[in-house]
Amino acid sequence: MSPTVAAITSVDDGLREVWPVVADVYAGVWDSETPPSVAAIRSALAGDITSGD
């Protein structure tokens, strides 16, 4: 588990730590008529907090 994940103990922590990582991906998906592929999601989130990079 990455240190960031261990540091999230509340919704406020999640908004502060996670939202900046996923906000752009979420925005791109929100207005799309079709869901993104798994490959597109992985590519967009490469090096995010879940990978520990």
Protein backbone atom coordinates (compact mmCIF):
# COMPACT_ATOMS: atom_id res chain seq x y z
CA MET A 1 0.00 0.00 0.00
CA SER A 2 1.34 3.42 -0.88
CA PRO A 3 2.01 5.92 1.91
CA THR A 4 -0.69 8.20 0.49
CA VAL A 5 -3.36 5.53 0.87
CA ALA A 6 -2.36 4.97 4.48
CA ALA A 7 -2.68 8.71 5.14
CA ILE A 8 -6.31 8.89 4.03
CA THR A 9 -8.54 8.53 7.05
CA SER A 10 -11.41 10.87 6.17
CA VAL A 11 -13.41 12.23 3.27
CA ASP A 12 -11.51 15.50 3.58
CA ASP A 13 -8.21 13.62 3.29
CA GLY A 14 -9.53 11.84 0.20
CA LEU A 15 -10.63 15.08 -1.42
CA ARG A 16 -7.27 16.68 -0.72
CA GLU A 17 -5.10 13.70 -1.75
CA VAL A 18 -7.11 11.77 -4.36
CA TRP A 19 -9.24 14.32 -6.18
CA PRO A 20 -6.30 16.21 -7.74
CA VAL A 21 -5.11 12.90 -9.22
CA VAL A 22 -8.45 11.89 -10.75
CA ALA A 23 -10.14 15.23 -11.51
CA ASP A 24 -8.98 15.50 -15.14
CA VAL A 25 -9.85 11.87 -15.89
CA TYR A 26 -13.26 12.30 -14.29
CA ALA A 27 -13.93 15.45 -16.32
CA GLY A 28 -13.08 13.65 -19.54
CA VAL A 29 -15.41 10.76 -18.74
CA TRP A 30 -18.28 12.86 -17.43
CA ASP A 31 -19.24 14.36 -20.80
CA SER A 32 -18.45 11.29 -22.90
CA GLU A 33 -21.26 9.21 -24.35
CA THR A 34 -19.29 5.98 -23.95
CA PRO A 35 -17.19 4.74 -21.06
CA PRO A 36 -13.41 4.73 -21.43
CA SER A 37 -11.59 1.48 -22.05
CA VAL A 38 -9.64 -0.13 -19.24
CA ALA A 39 -6.45 0.70 -21.16
CA ALA A 40 -7.44 4.37 -21.35
CA ILE A 41 -8.09 4.49 -17.62
CA ARG A 42 -4.80 2.81 -16.81
CA SER A 43 -2.95 5.17 -19.14
CA ALA A 44 -4.61 8.24 -17.64
CA LEU A 45 -3.81 7.16 -14.10
CA ALA A 46 -0.27 5.87 -14.73
CA GLY A 47 1.92 6.81 -11.81
CA ASP A 48 -1.03 7.75 -9.60
CA ILE A 49 -1.26 7.26 -5.85
CA THR A 50 -2.46 3.67 -6.08
CA SER A 51 0.71 2.50 -7.81
CA GLY A 52 3.01 3.92 -5.18
CA ASP A 53 5.10 5.67 -7.85
